[in-house]
């Protein structure tokens, strides 16, 4: 009797095979296309979130200034009291961001800092009184005789930094000081007439004639009553993002203006020492600046938002390391198309790059009688 072994169902070679190479390549290609389509949307969403956080930072600064005014019956001083364009510019010893620390939930940082030293004793403390305002109060942030003040000034304050800025605080400040991406406006001094309109006058007398007071001033009891153009029409603070230590390459920020106390740990323009840290929130020359346009440019000197942004690092005529070029003492951000600013009433606006110099200067001035009411 012949016995036949039972066999299970046969499996064809076609049934047992996986993806062919062609099929696999097609799947990979489809995935690549989907990623290419989704990546810009993801990046746009991330930037929208970063810009929203930056807007919130500015909102906090505006509210802090209002709360400061409610508590003291005056607005905070600007730290930088004038804008001579040279080494004779006068400053307070503390910056505007320093004064606002208690009003952005940073009371502990503020309390670490000395707030008692007065001009009467600053001379004995070897401060340079020729650049120090007589109403100054508190030790300068890098005075080694006040180590707690130095420690406080090295605190990184999240609301002082725009998250879109493409360089880390550690790269920006290898000396450890807390960085700052915004700019209170002390004065604006660009020419209003003739062929040079929109640029900073080279003649000191003409520059003085063109100077318009900003929202803050180093005058006793300066407050909202002095903002005669209206608080909703006057810029309080604007983005000036990316300023960094002189060793930070393309982001390096240099200053020849002498500090109240010599500091030989940083080498500045021309190899001189004792300059100001243009990237540190505790430095009065960083917290506040004049609105002047790229006055040192070898090309266009016209006041503009995000001027000399391209190529990255600035064109040869106006490299970012040069004062007033790119993110160096002028309205500048890494958002596409413009910058955030907070008005003196606490409202936040986004100023487009296309804004003309004239309305920009008018919005920076607080008493010039030129009111820009429309959204820009």
Protein backbone atom coordinates (compact mmCIF):
# COMPACT_ATOMS: atom_id res chain seq x y z
CA UNK A 1 0.00 0.00 0.00
CA UNK A 2 1.52 3.27 -1.11
CA UNK A 3 1.46 5.90 1.52
CA UNK A 4 1.59 9.54 0.37
CA UNK A 5 2.78 12.17 2.78
CA UNK A 6 0.28 14.97 3.22
CA UNK A 7 1.52 18.32 2.18
CA UNK A 8 0.46 21.70 3.45
CA UNK A 9 -0.59 24.46 1.15
CA UNK A 10 2.23 25.52 -1.11
CA UNK A 11 3.58 29.11 -0.88
CA UNK A 12 4.64 30.85 -3.97
CA UNK A 13 7.82 32.89 -4.08
CA UNK A 14 5.71 35.93 -4.83
CA UNK A 15 3.61 35.48 -1.65
CA UNK A 16 6.67 35.25 0.62
CA UNK A 17 8.59 38.21 -0.80
CA UNK A 18 8.75 41.66 1.01
CA UNK A 19 9.03 45.08 -0.58
CA UNK A 20 10.96 45.22 -3.76
CA UNK A 21 13.76 47.77 -4.05
CA UNK A 22 11.65 49.93 -6.34
CA UNK A 23 8.73 49.91 -3.89
CA UNK A 24 11.06 50.81 -1.02
CA UNK A 25 12.52 53.72 -2.96
CA UNK A 26 9.03 54.98 -3.79
CA UNK A 27 8.06 54.90 -0.08
CA UNK A 28 11.24 56.75 0.88
CA UNK A 29 10.59 59.34 -1.82
CA UNK A 30 7.04 59.90 -0.58
CA UNK A 31 8.26 60.31 3.00
CA UNK A 32 10.89 62.80 1.80
CA UNK A 33 8.25 64.84 -0.03
CA UNK A 34 6.00 64.87 3.04
CA UNK A 35 8.88 66.01 5.26
CA UNK A 36 9.78 68.73 2.76
CA UNK A 37 6.17 69.93 2.78
CA UNK A 38 5.79 69.80 6.56
CA UNK A 39 9.18 71.20 7.63
CA UNK A 40 8.50 74.83 6.61
CA UNK A 41 5.16 74.67 8.43
CA UNK A 42 6.86 73.30 11.55
CA UNK A 43 9.56 75.97 11.37
CA UNK A 44 6.94 78.67 10.86
CA UNK A 45 4.99 77.41 13.87
CA UNK A 46 8.12 77.43 16.01
CA UNK A 47 9.00 80.97 14.95
CA UNK A 48 5.43 82.08 15.63
CA UNK A 49 5.80 80.72 19.15
CA UNK A 50 9.16 82.44 19.60
CA UNK A 51 7.81 85.74 18.30
CA UNK A 52 4.83 85.41 20.63
CA UNK A 53 7.21 84.91 23.56
CA UNK A 54 9.18 87.98 22.48
CA UNK A 55 5.94 89.96 22.32
CA UNK A 56 5.14 88.80 25.83
CA UNK A 57 8.61 89.88 27.01
CA UNK A 58 7.98 93.38 25.70
CA UNK A 59 4.52 93.43 27.25
CA UNK A 60 6.11 92.63 30.61
CA UNK A 61 8.58 95.49 30.20
CA UNK A 62 5.76 97.90 29.40
CA UNK A 63 3.71 96.79 32.40
CA UNK A 64 6.81 96.93 34.61
CA UNK A 65 7.39 100.57 33.64
CA UNK A 66 3.77 101.38 34.45
CA UNK A 67 3.97 99.64 37.82
CA UNK A 68 7.24 101.43 38.56
CA UNK A 69 5.53 104.73 37.80
CA UNK A 70 2.59 103.83 40.05
CA UNK A 71 4.95 102.99 42.93
CA UNK A 72 7.32 105.96 42.57
CA UNK A 73 5.18 108.62 40.84
CA UNK A 74 7.72 108.86 38.03
CA UNK A 75 9.00 106.80 35.11
CA UNK A 76 12.34 104.98 35.42
CA UNK A 77 15.36 106.89 34.18
CA UNK A 78 16.91 105.73 30.89
CA UNK A 79 20.38 105.01 32.30
CA UNK A 80 21.88 106.79 29.28
CA UNK A 81 21.14 110.46 29.85
CA UNK A 82 22.14 111.93 26.48
CA UNK A 83 23.70 110.87 23.20
CA UNK A 84 26.72 113.00 22.35
CA UNK A 85 28.09 110.42 19.95
CA UNK A 86 31.33 110.15 21.89
CA UNK A 87 33.11 109.54 25.18
CA UNK A 88 31.38 112.46 26.93
CA UNK A 89 27.97 110.74 27.11
CA UNK A 90 26.65 110.78 30.69
CA UNK A 91 25.06 107.78 32.40
CA UNK A 92 23.43 106.72 35.62
CA UNK A 93 25.25 103.90 37.41
CA UNK A 94 22.23 101.58 37.12
CA UNK A 95 20.42 100.58 33.94
CA UNK A 96 16.70 100.81 33.22
CA UNK A 97 16.34 97.00 33.20
CA UNK A 98 17.91 96.98 36.68
CA UNK A 99 15.27 99.39 37.99
CA UNK A 100 12.47 97.22 36.59
CA UNK A 101 13.62 93.93 38.15
CA UNK A 102 11.18 94.10 41.12
CA UNK A 103 8.29 94.60 38.69
CA UNK A 104 8.99 91.49 36.60
CA UNK A 105 9.15 89.12 39.60
CA UNK A 106 12.94 89.41 39.97
CA UNK A 107 12.97 91.10 43.39
CA UNK A 108 15.61 88.68 44.71
CA UNK A 109 18.04 89.66 41.97
CA UNK A 110 17.41 93.35 42.62
CA UNK A 111 17.91 92.94 46.37
CA UNK A 112 21.35 91.44 45.78
CA UNK A 113 22.47 94.66 44.12
CA UNK A 114 23.70 97.71 45.98
CA UNK A 115 21.09 100.46 45.74
CA UNK A 116 22.51 102.87 48.33
CA UNK A 117 25.76 104.29 46.92
CA UNK A 118 25.31 107.96 45.96
CA UNK A 119 27.26 110.41 43.83
CA UNK A 120 28.68 112.00 46.99
CA UNK A 121 30.60 108.80 47.73
CA UNK A 122 31.19 107.57 44.17
CA UNK A 123 34.17 109.85 43.64
CA UNK A 124 35.91 108.34 46.65
CA UNK A 125 35.10 104.93 45.18
CA UNK A 126 37.20 105.85 42.11
CA UNK A 127 34.23 106.26 39.78
CA UNK A 128 34.69 108.42 36.69
CA UNK A 129 32.41 111.28 37.63
CA UNK A 130 32.78 113.03 34.25
CA UNK A 131 30.51 110.38 32.73
CA UNK A 132 28.37 109.76 35.83
CA UNK A 133 25.11 111.62 36.42
CA UNK A 134 24.95 113.41 39.80
CA UNK A 135 21.61 111.73 40.60
CA UNK A 136 23.09 108.24 40.23
CA UNK A 137 22.33 105.73 42.94
CA UNK A 138 23.75 102.26 43.43
CA UNK A 139 27.09 100.68 42.62
CA UNK A 140 27.97 99.90 39.02
CA UNK A 141 27.25 96.29 38.16
CA UNK A 142 30.91 95.21 37.82
CA UNK A 143 32.35 96.94 40.89
CA UNK A 144 34.44 94.23 42.64
CA UNK A 145 33.86 95.91 46.02
CA UNK A 146 30.21 94.82 45.67
CA UNK A 147 30.44 91.09 44.82
CA UNK A 148 26.71 90.54 45.35
CA UNK A 149 25.99 93.20 42.74
CA UNK A 150 28.33 91.45 40.30
CA UNK A 151 26.65 88.13 41.06
CA UNK A 152 23.20 89.61 40.43
CA UNK A 153 24.33 91.15 37.12
CA UNK A 154 25.39 87.69 35.96
CA UNK A 155 21.84 86.37 36.28
CA UNK A 156 20.23 85.41 32.97
CA UNK A 157 16.70 86.89 33.00
CA UNK A 158 14.47 84.92 30.57
CA UNK A 159 12.20 87.87 29.79
CA UNK A 160 15.23 89.96 28.77
CA UNK A 161 16.08 87.61 25.88
CA UNK A 162 14.24 87.12 22.58
CA UNK A 163 14.12 83.36 21.84
CA UNK A 164 14.54 84.01 18.10
CA UNK A 165 18.07 85.37 18.61
CA UNK A 166 20.29 82.69 16.97
CA UNK A 167 23.16 82.76 19.47
CA UNK A 168 23.15 81.42 23.03
CA UNK A 169 23.68 83.59 26.13
CA UNK A 170 26.85 81.60 26.85
CA UNK A 171 28.31 82.52 23.46
CA UNK A 172 27.15 86.10 23.78
CA UNK A 173 28.60 86.63 27.23
CA UNK A 174 31.63 84.43 27.96
CA UNK A 175 32.26 86.68 30.98
CA UNK A 176 28.94 85.48 32.42
CA UNK A 177 26.92 88.70 32.49
CA UNK A 178 23.19 88.48 31.78
CA UNK A 179 22.33 89.41 28.20
CA UNK A 180 19.70 91.80 26.87
CA UNK A 181 17.83 91.92 23.53
CA UNK A 182 15.85 95.15 23.83
CA UNK A 183 16.48 98.89 23.85
CA UNK A 184 14.79 101.72 25.70
CA UNK A 185 15.07 104.92 23.67
CA UNK A 186 16.63 107.96 25.36
CA UNK A 187 16.64 110.36 22.39
CA UNK A 188 16.48 110.38 18.61
CA UNK A 189 18.61 112.79 16.62
CA UNK A 190 18.34 112.11 12.87
CA UNK A 191 18.13 114.97 10.41
CA UNK A 192 14.61 116.07 9.40
CA UNK A 193 15.34 118.35 6.46
CA UNK A 194 17.28 118.51 3.20
CA UNK A 195 19.24 115.89 1.30
CA UNK A 196 20.57 114.29 4.50
CA UNK A 197 17.10 113.75 5.99
CA UNK A 198 16.86 110.46 7.82
CA UNK A 199 20.57 110.30 8.70
CA UNK A 200 22.43 111.46 11.78
CA UNK A 201 24.00 114.94 11.37
CA UNK A 202 27.78 114.98 11.45
CA UNK A 203 27.82 118.49 12.88
CA UNK A 204 27.35 118.50 16.66
CA UNK A 205 25.33 121.73 16.70
CA UNK A 206 22.96 120.40 14.05
CA UNK A 207 22.70 117.08 15.87
CA UNK A 208 21.68 118.91 19.02
CA UNK A 209 19.07 120.88 17.07
CA UNK A 210 17.63 117.64 15.68
CA UNK A 211 17.56 115.83 19.05
CA UNK A 212 14.10 114.83 20.28
CA UNK A 213 13.48 113.51 23.80
CA UNK A 214 12.38 109.89 24.10
CA UNK A 215 9.89 108.40 26.55
CA UNK A 216 12.42 108.32 29.42
CA UNK A 217 14.67 111.08 30.73
CA UNK A 218 17.26 111.66 33.47
CA UNK A 219 15.14 114.45 34.95
CA UNK A 220 13.62 114.44 38.40
CA UNK A 221 9.93 113.52 38.48
CA UNK A 222 9.78 112.76 34.75
CA UNK A 223 6.56 110.86 34.23
CA UNK A 224 3.59 110.19 31.98
CA UNK A 225 2.61 113.84 32.17
CA UNK A 226 5.73 114.67 30.15
CA UNK A 227 4.74 112.37 27.26
CA UNK A 228 2.78 115.10 25.52
CA UNK A 229 2.55 113.19 22.22
CA UNK A 230 0.52 110.55 24.07
CA UNK A 231 1.62 107.26 25.62
CA UNK A 232 -0.04 105.20 22.86
CA UNK A 233 1.95 107.11 20.22
CA UNK A 234 5.39 106.98 21.85
CA UNK A 235 7.76 104.01 21.76
CA UNK A 236 9.06 102.98 25.18
CA UNK A 237 11.27 100.05 24.18
CA UNK A 238 12.16 98.31 20.92
CA UNK A 239 14.03 95.16 19.91
CA UNK A 240 17.82 95.37 19.51
CA UNK A 241 18.65 91.67 19.51
CA UNK A 242 21.93 89.79 19.31
CA UNK A 243 24.49 92.17 20.81
CA UNK A 244 27.40 90.17 22.18
CA UNK A 245 30.87 90.19 23.74
CA UNK A 246 33.70 91.52 21.51
CA UNK A 247 34.96 87.93 21.10
CA UNK A 248 31.62 86.65 19.74
CA UNK A 249 32.53 86.93 16.06
CA UNK A 250 29.77 88.25 13.81
CA UNK A 251 27.68 89.26 16.82
CA UNK A 252 30.49 91.18 18.54
CA UNK A 253 29.51 94.58 19.90
CA UNK A 254 32.13 97.23 20.58
CA UNK A 255 32.09 100.51 22.49
CA UNK A 256 34.69 103.20 23.11
CA UNK A 257 32.58 105.01 25.67
CA UNK A 258 34.25 104.81 29.08
CA UNK A 259 32.52 103.08 31.96
CA UNK A 260 32.11 104.70 35.35
CA UNK A 261 34.69 102.25 36.65
CA UNK A 262 37.59 100.86 34.64
CA UNK A 263 37.29 97.16 33.87
CA UNK A 264 40.32 95.56 32.25
CA UNK A 265 38.77 92.13 31.73
CA UNK A 266 37.41 93.05 28.29
CA UNK A 267 39.36 94.59 25.41
CA UNK A 268 37.40 97.09 23.39
CA UNK A 269 37.71 99.07 20.15
CA UNK A 270 41.27 100.07 19.37
CA UNK A 271 42.63 97.88 22.15
CA UNK A 272 41.41 100.26 24.84
CA UNK A 273 40.08 98.91 28.12
CA UNK A 274 37.41 100.09 30.49
CA UNK A 275 34.59 100.31 27.97
CA UNK A 276 30.95 99.36 28.34
CA UNK A 277 29.31 95.99 27.80
CA UNK A 278 26.76 96.60 25.06
CA UNK A 279 25.19 93.18 25.60
CA UNK A 280 24.66 93.18 29.39
CA UNK A 281 21.28 94.17 30.85
CA UNK A 282 22.99 95.72 33.87
CA UNK A 283 25.03 98.17 31.78
CA UNK A 284 23.21 101.51 31.28
CA UNK A 285 24.68 101.81 27.78
CA UNK A 286 23.08 98.49 26.86
CA UNK A 287 19.67 99.00 28.44
CA UNK A 288 19.04 102.28 26.62
CA UNK A 289 20.36 103.96 23.48
CA UNK A 290 19.71 106.80 21.11
CA UNK A 291 17.90 106.18 17.81
CA UNK A 292 20.34 107.43 15.19
CA UNK A 293 20.51 105.08 12.23
CA UNK A 294 23.74 103.48 10.95
CA UNK A 295 25.78 106.65 11.40
CA UNK A 296 29.11 104.83 10.96
CA UNK A 297 28.15 103.05 7.75
CA UNK A 298 30.29 103.53 4.66
CA UNK A 299 27.11 103.01 2.63
CA UNK A 300 23.58 104.19 3.37
CA UNK A 301 23.22 105.95 6.73
CA UNK A 302 19.42 106.10 6.59
CA UNK A 303 17.51 105.23 9.77
CA UNK A 304 15.68 101.94 9.20
CA UNK A 305 14.38 98.82 10.92
CA UNK A 306 16.66 95.75 10.54
CA UNK A 307 19.17 97.76 8.55
CA UNK A 308 22.17 95.85 7.13
CA UNK A 309 20.59 92.50 8.02
CA UNK A 310 21.93 90.81 4.89
CA UNK A 311 24.31 89.14 4.41
CA UNK A 312 24.53 87.57 7.85
CA UNK A 313 27.11 89.59 9.76
CA UNK A 314 26.45 92.69 7.67
CA UNK A 315 27.82 93.97 4.34
CA UNK A 316 31.37 95.28 4.08
CA UNK A 317 30.10 98.85 4.35
CA UNK A 318 28.45 98.21 7.72
CA UNK A 319 29.63 95.08 9.55
CA UNK A 320 27.64 94.26 12.68
CA UNK A 321 30.72 94.73 14.85
CA UNK A 322 30.60 98.43 13.96
CA UNK A 323 28.59 100.64 16.31
CA UNK A 324 25.09 101.41 14.96
CA UNK A 325 25.32 98.70 12.28
CA UNK A 326 22.82 95.84 12.32
CA UNK A 327 22.08 94.56 15.85
CA UNK A 328 24.32 97.18 17.43
CA UNK A 329 22.39 100.00 19.13
CA UNK A 330 19.59 100.18 16.55
CA UNK A 331 16.13 98.56 16.00
CA UNK A 332 16.97 95.01 14.96
CA UNK A 333 15.50 91.55 15.32
CA UNK A 334 15.76 88.10 13.77
CA UNK A 335 12.00 87.94 13.10
CA UNK A 336 11.03 88.02 9.45
CA UNK A 337 9.89 91.42 8.27
CA UNK A 338 10.27 93.70 11.28
CA UNK A 339 10.69 94.22 15.01
CA UNK A 340 8.53 94.23 18.12
CA UNK A 341 8.19 97.39 20.17
CA UNK A 342 6.21 98.31 23.27
CA UNK A 343 4.56 101.72 23.48
CA UNK A 344 4.57 103.77 26.67
CA UNK A 345 0.95 102.74 27.37
CA UNK A 346 2.05 99.07 27.45
CA UNK A 347 0.63 98.03 24.07
CA UNK A 348 2.91 96.03 21.76
CA UNK A 349 3.27 96.62 18.02
CA UNK A 350 5.17 94.94 15.23
CA UNK A 351 6.95 97.56 13.12
CA UNK A 352 7.46 96.50 9.52
CA UNK A 353 10.85 96.85 7.86
CA UNK A 354 9.20 99.07 5.25
CA UNK A 355 8.51 101.83 7.78
CA UNK A 356 9.97 105.17 6.70
CA UNK A 357 12.49 106.97 8.92
CA UNK A 358 10.13 109.94 9.54
CA UNK A 359 7.30 108.09 11.36
CA UNK A 360 9.92 105.97 13.17
CA UNK A 361 11.58 109.10 14.56
CA UNK A 362 8.20 110.63 15.39
CA UNK A 363 7.21 107.54 17.37
CA UNK A 364 10.51 107.62 19.25
CA UNK A 365 10.03 111.25 20.26
CA UNK A 366 7.72 111.99 23.17
CA UNK A 367 7.31 115.77 22.87
CA UNK A 368 7.88 116.69 19.22
CA UNK A 369 4.22 117.28 18.44
CA UNK A 370 4.28 114.77 15.57
CA UNK A 371 1.70 112.08 16.33
CA UNK A 372 1.57 108.87 14.30
CA UNK A 373 -1.86 107.40 14.98
CA UNK A 374 -2.19 104.75 12.27
CA UNK A 375 -0.94 101.20 12.66
CA UNK A 376 2.41 100.69 10.94
